[in-house]
Amino acid sequence: MPTPRRKVLPAFSSEEEERAFWATHDSSDYVDWAKASRRSFPGLKPTLRTISLRLPEAMIGQLKVLANKRDIPYQSLLKQFLAERLQEELTRTTGT
């Protein structure tokens, strides 16, 4: 069976232009995923943004107690709780 002919990627003048292109085009027309290989990016870190969040002192105290039992900083525990709850809510609302 002959391999389907792949389309040639256009040259993009900006990341915005490329983002718009991929929002309306299927990558399978341009990339031979059968020839793709898995890559690892160990040094890649997610973009973080600092926010200010006001919490009751009692809640912070409870977080610190739980975090101490798990031997992690309380801010990390709060991020874990938030990530878990976000995933629950997204799963519940999207059904996936």
Protein backbone atom coordinates (compact mmCIF):
# COMPACT_ATOMS: atom_id res chain seq x y z
CA MET A 1 0.00 0.00 0.00
CA PRO A 2 1.54 3.38 -0.95
CA THR A 3 2.27 5.92 1.77
CA PRO A 4 -0.03 8.95 1.59
CA ARG A 5 1.69 12.09 0.39
CA ARG A 6 2.23 14.61 3.18
CA LYS A 7 1.48 18.29 2.75
CA VAL A 8 4.36 20.74 3.09
CA LEU A 9 4.30 22.95 6.17
CA PRO A 10 4.15 26.66 5.42
CA ALA A 11 6.76 29.01 6.86
CA PHE A 12 5.37 30.86 9.87
CA SER A 13 6.37 34.43 10.63
CA SER A 14 5.30 34.24 14.27
CA GLU A 15 4.21 31.85 16.96
CA GLU A 16 0.75 33.42 16.82
CA GLU A 17 0.49 32.62 13.10
CA GLU A 18 1.55 29.03 13.72
CA ARG A 19 -0.93 28.68 16.60
CA ALA A 20 -3.75 29.92 14.34
CA PHE A 21 -2.68 27.49 11.61
CA TRP A 22 -2.74 24.44 13.90
CA ALA A 23 -6.10 25.48 15.33
CA THR A 24 -7.63 24.92 11.88
CA HIS A 25 -5.47 22.13 10.40
CA ASP A 26 -5.01 18.43 11.16
CA SER A 27 -1.42 17.50 11.99
CA SER A 28 -1.87 14.05 10.40
CA ASP A 29 -1.85 15.78 6.99
CA TYR A 30 1.62 17.21 7.70
CA VAL A 31 3.37 14.79 10.04
CA ASP A 32 4.02 11.08 9.62
CA TRP A 33 3.26 10.00 13.17
CA ALA A 34 4.30 6.42 12.34
CA LYS A 35 7.88 7.70 12.07
CA ALA A 36 7.68 9.81 15.23
CA SER A 37 9.68 8.93 18.32
CA ARG A 38 9.01 9.70 21.96
CA ARG A 39 11.14 12.49 23.45
CA SER A 40 11.87 13.49 27.01
CA PHE A 41 12.36 17.04 28.23
CA PRO A 42 13.60 16.61 31.82
CA GLY A 43 14.57 20.27 32.30
CA LEU A 44 11.20 21.64 31.16
CA LYS A 45 9.29 23.32 33.96
CA PRO A 46 5.69 24.55 33.88
CA THR A 47 5.09 28.26 33.81
CA LEU A 48 4.19 29.47 37.28
CA ARG A 49 2.45 32.62 38.38
CA THR A 50 2.48 33.98 41.90
CA ILE A 51 -0.92 34.89 43.33
CA SER A 52 -2.05 36.35 46.61
CA LEU A 53 -4.65 34.29 48.42
CA ARG A 54 -6.24 35.24 51.72
CA LEU A 55 -7.10 32.25 53.88
CA PRO A 56 -8.33 32.02 57.46
CA GLU A 57 -5.45 31.46 59.90
CA ALA A 58 -7.15 28.32 61.21
CA MET A 59 -7.19 26.84 57.69
CA ILE A 60 -3.50 27.60 57.21
CA GLY A 61 -2.81 25.97 60.56
CA GLN A 62 -4.69 22.84 59.50
CA LEU A 63 -2.81 22.77 56.20
CA LYS A 64 0.50 23.03 58.05
CA VAL A 65 -0.43 20.13 60.36
CA LEU A 66 -1.40 17.90 57.40
CA ALA A 67 1.64 18.97 55.39
CA ASN A 68 3.93 18.24 58.34
CA LYS A 69 2.50 14.71 58.58
CA ARG A 70 3.29 14.23 54.87
CA ASP A 71 6.68 15.94 55.19
CA ILE A 72 5.99 18.51 52.47
CA PRO A 73 5.59 22.30 52.51
CA TYR A 74 2.03 23.42 53.15
CA GLN A 75 1.97 25.43 49.90
CA SER A 76 2.76 22.21 47.97
CA LEU A 77 -0.04 20.39 49.78
CA LEU A 78 -2.44 23.20 48.92
CA LYS A 79 -1.43 22.93 45.23
CA GLN A 80 -2.02 19.15 45.36
CA PHE A 81 -5.46 19.62 46.88
CA LEU A 82 -6.34 22.27 44.32
CA ALA A 83 -5.11 20.14 41.40
CA GLU A 84 -7.10 17.11 42.61
CA ARG A 85 -10.28 19.12 43.03
CA LEU A 86 -9.89 20.83 39.66
CA GLN A 87 -9.53 17.44 38.00
CA GLU A 88 -12.63 16.14 39.82
CA GLU A 89 -14.67 19.14 38.76
CA LEU A 90 -13.46 19.01 35.16
CA THR A 91 -14.23 15.30 34.97
CA ARG A 92 -17.67 15.81 36.48
CA THR A 93 -18.60 18.69 34.19
CA THR A 94 -17.14 17.30 30.96
CA GLY A 95 -17.94 13.64 31.62
CA THR A 96 -14.42 12.45 30.69
